[in-house]
């Protein structure tokens, strides 16, 4: 009897979703892009639904793919927890770990996690540096860099940590004076607060809507202040 979900598929699909493309997943898994495409096709054939929407440059998950990924990550996490409880991983981490993160996110989220990590692994010395822009890859100054957005270079081994969701909002008093924007292009006539993040173009907002096959993204050049 062939089961629709194979254990090896869980790790494969989690890696694929985290990598963001078939080619990036192939590099991370150490196989060819056609091999990744074939594995994905076999998975979809077994479960009987499409898990990924493929385009020439990128891929996105279907609603069924989002559901599959959610359960796959939960199951993989439970397997890791079980291994820890059974004492499968007994190696004691030690040495120097160099971490770089952005200023605000690093202070509010990364620093507390490092404190917990050091208490759990006292033989590890962690050096945390907070900066506005990511360090150049050529410097090789850090072991881990925590950043928002897509990896800047194909040589970087990236791991998806969490979504960085942003909402479009305005004060009621502002809308009363200037009116409610109805379509994304209306934002070009409004006073917007611009945030420069890394090397991204300043003042360009990418507004996403829908999920799976219905997902769309529209870029708007705002009058950022």
Foldseek 3Di string as FASTA:
>chain_A
DDALDDLVVLVLLLLCVFLFALCLSCVVVVHHSVVSVVVQVSSCVSVVHHQWDDDPPTIFGAPVVVVSNVVSVVVVVVVVVVCVVVVVDVDQDADEAEEEEADPCCVPPVVVVVVVVCVVRVRYHYHYDHDQADDDPVVVPGPYYDFDDHDPDSVDDDGDDDDDDDDDDDDPVQCVVVNDDDDPQVQQVDEAAWDDHHPDDIQWDWDWDDHHPPIDIDIYRHPHD
